[in-house]
Amino acid sequence: MTDNASSEPIVTPFEAIGGEDQVRQLVNRFYDLMEGDPAYAALRAMHAESLDEMRTSLTGFLTGWLGGPRDWFAAHPGVCIMSAHAKIAVTPETARQWVDAMTRALAEQPMDEAIRVAISSAFSRMAAGMAR
Protein backbone atom coordinates (compact mmCIF):
# COMPACT_ATOMS: atom_id res chain seq x y z
CA MET A 1 0.00 0.00 0.00
CA THR A 2 1.26 3.50 -0.70
CA ASP A 3 0.41 6.98 0.50
CA ASN A 4 -0.62 9.04 -2.55
CA ALA A 5 0.84 12.24 -1.10
CA SER A 6 4.37 10.90 -0.80
CA SER A 7 4.24 7.53 -2.61
CA GLU A 8 6.04 6.06 0.39
CA PRO A 9 4.77 2.61 1.34
CA ILE A 10 2.44 2.60 4.31
CA VAL A 11 3.43 -0.09 6.77
CA THR A 12 0.61 -1.33 8.97
CA PRO A 13 1.27 -2.31 12.59
CA PHE A 14 0.52 -5.88 11.46
CA GLU A 15 3.39 -5.74 8.96
CA ALA A 16 5.67 -3.83 11.34
CA ILE A 17 5.43 -6.48 14.05
CA GLY A 18 6.05 -9.35 11.64
CA GLY A 19 2.65 -10.56 10.50
CA GLU A 20 0.37 -13.32 11.64
CA ASP A 21 3.07 -15.53 13.14
CA GLN A 22 4.04 -12.74 15.53
CA VAL A 23 0.41 -12.01 16.36
CA ARG A 24 -0.11 -15.70 17.14
CA GLN A 25 3.00 -15.73 19.34
CA LEU A 26 1.73 -12.66 21.18
CA VAL A 27 -1.69 -14.23 21.77
CA ASN A 28 -0.23 -17.56 22.85
CA ARG A 29 2.11 -15.86 25.30
CA PHE A 30 -0.79 -13.78 26.66
CA TYR A 31 -2.93 -16.88 27.29
CA ASP A 32 0.04 -18.81 28.68
CA LEU A 33 0.56 -16.01 31.21
CA MET A 34 -3.15 -15.94 32.02
CA GLU A 35 -3.18 -19.70 32.58
CA GLY A 36 0.02 -19.93 34.57
CA ASP A 37 0.25 -16.83 36.72
CA PRO A 38 -2.00 -16.72 39.81
CA ALA A 39 -2.06 -12.93 39.50
CA TYR A 40 -4.54 -13.46 36.65
CA ALA A 41 -6.83 -15.94 38.44
CA ALA A 42 -9.95 -13.77 38.21
CA LEU A 43 -9.37 -13.19 34.50
CA ARG A 44 -8.73 -16.89 33.88
CA ALA A 45 -11.93 -17.81 35.74
CA MET A 46 -13.95 -15.81 33.18
CA HIS A 47 -12.91 -18.18 30.39
CA ALA A 48 -13.80 -21.73 29.39
CA GLU A 49 -11.61 -24.59 30.57
CA SER A 50 -9.97 -24.81 27.14
CA LEU A 51 -8.54 -21.61 25.74
CA ASP A 52 -8.00 -23.03 22.25
CA GLU A 53 -11.02 -21.27 20.74
CA MET A 54 -10.06 -17.97 22.37
CA ARG A 55 -6.47 -18.25 21.13
CA THR A 56 -7.75 -18.67 17.57
CA SER A 57 -10.34 -15.92 17.88
CA LEU A 58 -8.04 -13.33 19.44
CA THR A 59 -5.34 -14.08 16.86
CA GLY A 60 -7.88 -13.49 14.08
CA PHE A 61 -9.25 -10.35 15.69
CA LEU A 62 -5.83 -8.82 16.33
CA THR A 63 -4.63 -9.74 12.85
CA GLY A 64 -7.41 -7.65 11.31
CA TRP A 65 -7.33 -4.93 13.95
CA LEU A 66 -3.61 -4.39 13.38
CA GLY A 67 -4.10 -4.00 9.63
CA GLY A 68 -3.69 -7.55 8.37
CA PRO A 69 -6.26 -9.76 6.67
CA ARG A 70 -9.74 -9.06 8.02
CA ASP A 71 -11.02 -12.63 7.91
CA TRP A 72 -12.19 -12.53 11.54
CA PHE A 73 -14.29 -9.42 10.84
CA ALA A 74 -15.78 -10.99 7.70
CA ALA A 75 -16.75 -14.06 9.76
CA HIS A 76 -18.23 -11.89 12.54
CA PRO A 77 -20.08 -9.07 10.75
CA GLY A 78 -21.11 -6.21 12.98
CA VAL A 79 -19.11 -7.47 15.96
CA CYS A 80 -16.71 -5.08 17.62
CA ILE A 81 -14.59 -5.54 20.71
CA MET A 82 -17.21 -3.90 22.92
CA SER A 83 -20.17 -5.89 21.60
CA ALA A 84 -18.15 -9.12 21.83
CA HIS A 85 -17.71 -8.50 25.56
CA ALA A 86 -21.09 -6.91 26.33
CA LYS A 87 -22.44 -9.99 28.14
CA ILE A 88 -19.28 -10.56 30.15
CA ALA A 89 -18.94 -8.96 33.58
CA VAL A 90 -15.61 -7.21 33.00
CA THR A 91 -14.63 -5.55 36.26
CA PRO A 92 -11.93 -2.93 36.72
CA GLU A 93 -9.79 -5.69 38.29
CA THR A 94 -10.18 -8.16 35.40
CA ALA A 95 -9.61 -5.36 32.90
CA ARG A 96 -6.39 -4.49 34.75
CA GLN A 97 -5.34 -8.14 34.75
CA TRP A 98 -5.97 -8.35 30.98
CA VAL A 99 -3.90 -5.23 30.32
CA ASP A 100 -1.10 -6.42 32.60
CA ALA A 101 -0.85 -9.86 30.97
CA MET A 102 -1.02 -8.38 27.48
CA THR A 103 1.58 -5.75 28.34
CA ARG A 104 3.90 -8.49 29.58
CA ALA A 105 3.31 -10.51 26.40
CA LEU A 106 3.92 -7.43 24.23
CA ALA A 107 7.18 -6.72 26.07
CA GLU A 108 8.50 -10.11 24.96
CA GLN A 109 7.71 -9.62 21.28
CA PRO A 110 10.30 -8.21 18.88
CA MET A 111 8.89 -4.90 17.67
CA ASP A 112 9.62 -1.22 17.50
CA GLU A 113 9.11 0.41 20.90
CA ALA A 114 6.84 3.14 19.48
CA ILE A 115 4.53 0.49 18.01
CA ARG A 116 4.57 -1.47 21.28
CA VAL A 117 3.59 1.66 23.23
CA ALA A 118 0.83 2.57 20.76
CA ILE A 119 -0.65 -0.95 20.84
CA SER A 120 -0.42 -1.13 24.63
CA SER A 121 -2.08 2.26 24.98
CA ALA A 122 -4.94 1.22 22.70
CA PHE A 123 -5.39 -2.02 24.68
CA SER A 124 -5.52 -0.05 27.94
CA ARG A 125 -8.22 2.25 26.58
CA MET A 126 -10.29 -0.66 25.25
CA ALA A 127 -10.07 -2.58 28.52
CA ALA A 128 -10.99 0.50 30.55
CA GLY A 129 -14.01 1.02 28.29
CA MET A 130 -15.27 -2.51 28.98
CA ALA A 131 -14.97 -2.37 32.77
CA ARG A 132 -18.18 -1.86 34.74
C-alpha atoms as a PDB file:
ATOM      1  CA  MET A   1       0.000   0.000   0.000  1.00  0.00           C
ATOM      2  CA  THR A   2       1.258   3.505  -0.701  1.00  0.00           C
ATOM      3  CA  ASP A   3       0.410   6.976   0.496  1.00  0.00           C
ATOM      4  CA  ASN A   4      -0.623   9.039  -2.554  1.00  0.00           C
ATOM      5  CA  ALA A   5       0.845  12.239  -1.104  1.00  0.00           C
ATOM      6  CA  SER A   6       4.374  10.902  -0.800  1.00  0.00           C
ATOM      7  CA  SER A   7       4.238   7.535  -2.612  1.00  0.00           C
ATOM      8  CA  GLU A   8       6.041   6.058   0.386  1.00  0.00           C
ATOM      9  CA  PRO A   9       4.767   2.606   1.335  1.00  0.00           C
ATOM     10  CA  ILE A  10       2.441   2.598   4.314  1.00  0.00           C
ATOM     11  CA  VAL A  11       3.431  -0.086   6.769  1.00  0.00           C
ATOM     12  CA  THR A  12       0.615  -1.333   8.971  1.00  0.00           C
ATOM     13  CA  PRO A  13       1.270  -2.306  12.590  1.00  0.00           C
ATOM     14  CA  PHE A  14       0.524  -5.884  11.459  1.00  0.00           C
ATOM     15  CA  GLU A  15       3.389  -5.740   8.965  1.00  0.00           C
ATOM     16  CA  ALA A  16       5.669  -3.831  11.336  1.00  0.00           C
ATOM     17  CA  ILE A  17       5.431  -6.483  14.045  1.00  0.00           C
ATOM     18  CA  GLY A  18       6.053  -9.351  11.643  1.00  0.00           C
ATOM     19  CA  GLY A  19       2.650 -10.558  10.501  1.00  0.00           C
ATOM     20  CA  GLU A  20       0.366 -13.318  11.639  1.00  0.00           C
ATOM     21  CA  ASP A  21       3.071 -15.533  13.141  1.00  0.00           C
ATOM     22  CA  GLN A  22       4.038 -12.740  15.526  1.00  0.00           C
ATOM     23  CA  VAL A  23       0.406 -12.006  16.355  1.00  0.00           C
ATOM     24  CA  ARG A  24      -0.113 -15.704  17.136  1.00  0.00           C
ATOM     25  CA  GLN A  25       3.003 -15.728  19.337  1.00  0.00           C
ATOM     26  CA  LEU A  26       1.729 -12.663  21.182  1.00  0.00           C
ATOM     27  CA  VAL A  27      -1.689 -14.226  21.765  1.00  0.00           C
ATOM     28  CA  ASN A  28      -0.230 -17.557  22.852  1.00  0.00           C
ATOM     29  CA  ARG A  29       2.106 -15.857  25.300  1.00  0.00           C
ATOM     30  CA  PHE A  30      -0.790 -13.779  26.660  1.00  0.00           C
ATOM     31  CA  TYR A  31      -2.929 -16.878  27.288  1.00  0.00           C
ATOM     32  CA  ASP A  32       0.044 -18.812  28.679  1.00  0.00           C
ATOM     33  CA  LEU A  33       0.557 -16.013  31.208  1.00  0.00           C
ATOM     34  CA  MET A  34      -3.150 -15.940  32.015  1.00  0.00           C
ATOM     35  CA  GLU A  35      -3.180 -19.696  32.584  1.00  0.00           C
ATOM     36  CA  GLY A  36       0.021 -19.930  34.565  1.00  0.00           C
ATOM     37  CA  ASP A  37       0.250 -16.829  36.720  1.00  0.00           C
ATOM     38  CA  PRO A  38      -1.998 -16.722  39.808  1.00  0.00           C
ATOM     39  CA  ALA A  39      -2.061 -12.926  39.501  1.00  0.00           C
ATOM     40  CA  TYR A  40      -4.542 -13.464  36.646  1.00  0.00           C
ATOM     41  CA  ALA A  41      -6.827 -15.936  38.436  1.00  0.00           C
ATOM     42  CA  ALA A  42      -9.946 -13.765  38.214  1.00  0.00           C
ATOM     43  CA  LEU A  43      -9.368 -13.195  34.501  1.00  0.00           C
ATOM     44  CA  ARG A  44      -8.732 -16.894  33.885  1.00  0.00           C
ATOM     45  CA  ALA A  45     -11.930 -17.807  35.740  1.00  0.00           C
ATOM     46  CA  MET A  46     -13.949 -15.813  33.176  1.00  0.00           C
ATOM     47  CA  HIS A  47     -12.910 -18.182  30.394  1.00  0.00           C
ATOM     48  CA  ALA A  48     -13.797 -21.733  29.389  1.00  0.00           C
ATOM     49  CA  GLU A  49     -11.606 -24.593  30.570  1.00  0.00           C
ATOM     50  CA  SER A  50      -9.966 -24.814  27.144  1.00  0.00           C
ATOM     51  CA  LEU A  51      -8.537 -21.609  25.739  1.00  0.00           C
ATOM     52  CA  ASP A  52      -8.005 -23.026  22.246  1.00  0.00           C
ATOM     53  CA  GLU A  53     -11.024 -21.268  20.739  1.00  0.00           C
ATOM     54  CA  MET A  54     -10.055 -17.970  22.369  1.00  0.00           C
ATOM     55  CA  ARG A  55      -6.472 -18.255  21.129  1.00  0.00           C
ATOM     56  CA  THR A  56      -7.746 -18.674  17.573  1.00  0.00           C
ATOM     57  CA  SER A  57     -10.343 -15.919  17.882  1.00  0.00           C
ATOM     58  CA  LEU A  58      -8.036 -13.332  19.440  1.00  0.00           C
ATOM     59  CA  THR A  59      -5.340 -14.080  16.859  1.00  0.00           C
ATOM     60  CA  GLY A  60      -7.881 -13.494  14.081  1.00  0.00           C
ATOM     61  CA  PHE A  61      -9.251 -10.352  15.695  1.00  0.00           C
ATOM     62  CA  LEU A  62      -5.831  -8.815  16.330  1.00  0.00           C
ATOM     63  CA  THR A  63      -4.629  -9.736  12.847  1.00  0.00           C
ATOM     64  CA  GLY A  64      -7.412  -7.645  11.308  1.00  0.00           C
ATOM     65  CA  TRP A  65      -7.326  -4.929  13.953  1.00  0.00           C
ATOM     66  CA  LEU A  66      -3.609  -4.387  13.384  1.00  0.00           C
ATOM     67  CA  GLY A  67      -4.099  -3.997   9.628  1.00  0.00           C
ATOM     68  CA  GLY A  68      -3.689  -7.545   8.369  1.00  0.00           C
ATOM     69  CA  PRO A  69      -6.256  -9.765   6.668  1.00  0.00           C
ATOM     70  CA  ARG A  70      -9.739  -9.058   8.024  1.00  0.00           C
ATOM     71  CA  ASP A  71     -11.020 -12.633   7.906  1.00  0.00           C
ATOM     72  CA  TRP A  72     -12.189 -12.526  11.541  1.00  0.00           C
ATOM     73  CA  PHE A  73     -14.290  -9.423  10.837  1.00  0.00           C
ATOM     74  CA  ALA A  74     -15.778 -10.995   7.697  1.00  0.00           C
ATOM     75  CA  ALA A  75     -16.749 -14.057   9.757  1.00  0.00           C
ATOM     76  CA  HIS A  76     -18.234 -11.885  12.542  1.00  0.00           C
ATOM     77  CA  PRO A  77     -20.077  -9.075  10.749  1.00  0.00           C
ATOM     78  CA  GLY A  78     -21.106  -6.212  12.977  1.00  0.00           C
ATOM     79  CA  VAL A  79     -19.110  -7.473  15.959  1.00  0.00           C
ATOM     80  CA  CYS A  80     -16.710  -5.080  17.621  1.00  0.00           C
ATOM     81  CA  ILE A  81     -14.592  -5.544  20.708  1.00  0.00           C
ATOM     82  CA  MET A  82     -17.212  -3.895  22.919  1.00  0.00           C
ATOM     83  CA  SER A  83     -20.170  -5.892  21.595  1.00  0.00           C
ATOM     84  CA  ALA A  84     -18.146  -9.122  21.829  1.00  0.00           C
ATOM     85  CA  HIS A  85     -17.706  -8.495  25.561  1.00  0.00           C
ATOM     86  CA  ALA A  86     -21.087  -6.912  26.329  1.00  0.00           C
ATOM     87  CA  LYS A  87     -22.443  -9.990  28.137  1.00  0.00           C
ATOM     88  CA  ILE A  88     -19.282 -10.561  30.150  1.00  0.00           C
ATOM     89  CA  ALA A  89     -18.936  -8.959  33.578  1.00  0.00           C
ATOM     90  CA  VAL A  90     -15.609  -7.214  33.002  1.00  0.00           C
ATOM     91  CA  THR A  91     -14.626  -5.546  36.256  1.00  0.00           C
ATOM     92  CA  PRO A  92     -11.930  -2.930  36.724  1.00  0.00           C
ATOM     93  CA  GLU A  93      -9.791  -5.693  38.286  1.00  0.00           C
ATOM     94  CA  THR A  94     -10.178  -8.161  35.403  1.00  0.00           C
ATOM     95  CA  ALA A  95      -9.609  -5.361  32.901  1.00  0.00           C
ATOM     96  CA  ARG A  96      -6.392  -4.489  34.751  1.00  0.00           C
ATOM     97  CA  GLN A  97      -5.340  -8.138  34.749  1.00  0.00           C
ATOM     98  CA  TRP A  98      -5.966  -8.353  30.983  1.00  0.00           C
ATOM     99  CA  VAL A  99      -3.905  -5.234  30.315  1.00  0.00           C
ATOM    100  CA  ASP A 100      -1.105  -6.416  32.597  1.00  0.00           C
ATOM    101  CA  ALA A 101      -0.852  -9.863  30.974  1.00  0.00           C
ATOM    102  CA  MET A 102      -1.024  -8.382  27.475  1.00  0.00           C
ATOM    103  CA  THR A 103       1.581  -5.750  28.342  1.00  0.00           C
ATOM    104  CA  ARG A 104       3.905  -8.492  29.576  1.00  0.00           C
ATOM    105  CA  ALA A 105       3.306 -10.508  26.397  1.00  0.00           C
ATOM    106  CA  LEU A 106       3.921  -7.433  24.226  1.00  0.00           C
ATOM    107  CA  ALA A 107       7.181  -6.717  26.068  1.00  0.00           C
ATOM    108  CA  GLU A 108       8.499 -10.115  24.959  1.00  0.00           C
ATOM    109  CA  GLN A 109       7.706  -9.618  21.275  1.00  0.00           C
ATOM    110  CA  PRO A 110      10.296  -8.211  18.876  1.00  0.00           C
ATOM    111  CA  MET A 111       8.889  -4.899  17.672  1.00  0.00           C
ATOM    112  CA  ASP A 112       9.621  -1.215  17.497  1.00  0.00           C
ATOM    113  CA  GLU A 113       9.105   0.414  20.895  1.00  0.00           C
ATOM    114  CA  ALA A 114       6.839   3.138  19.482  1.00  0.00           C
ATOM    115  CA  ILE A 115       4.525   0.485  18.014  1.00  0.00           C
ATOM    116  CA  ARG A 116       4.566  -1.469  21.280  1.00  0.00           C
ATOM    117  CA  VAL A 117       3.591   1.659  23.232  1.00  0.00           C
ATOM    118  CA  ALA A 118       0.829   2.569  20.761  1.00  0.00           C
ATOM    119  CA  ILE A 119      -0.652  -0.945  20.844  1.00  0.00           C
ATOM    120  CA  SER A 120      -0.422  -1.130  24.627  1.00  0.00           C
ATOM    121  CA  SER A 121      -2.084   2.262  24.980  1.00  0.00           C
ATOM    122  CA  ALA A 122      -4.940   1.222  22.700  1.00  0.00           C
ATOM    123  CA  PHE A 123      -5.392  -2.021  24.678  1.00  0.00           C
ATOM    124  CA  SER A 124      -5.522  -0.054  27.936  1.00  0.00           C
ATOM    125  CA  ARG A 125      -8.225   2.255  26.584  1.00  0.00           C
ATOM    126  CA  MET A 126     -10.289  -0.662  25.249  1.00  0.00           C
ATOM    127  CA  ALA A 127     -10.067  -2.581  28.517  1.00  0.00           C
ATOM    128  CA  ALA A 128     -10.993   0.501  30.551  1.00  0.00           C
ATOM    129  CA  GLY A 129     -14.007   1.021  28.291  1.00  0.00           C
ATOM    130  CA  MET A 130     -15.267  -2.509  28.978  1.00  0.00           C
ATOM    131  CA  ALA A 131     -14.974  -2.368  32.769  1.00  0.00           C
ATOM    132  CA  ARG A 132     -18.176  -1.859  34.740  1.00  0.00           C
END
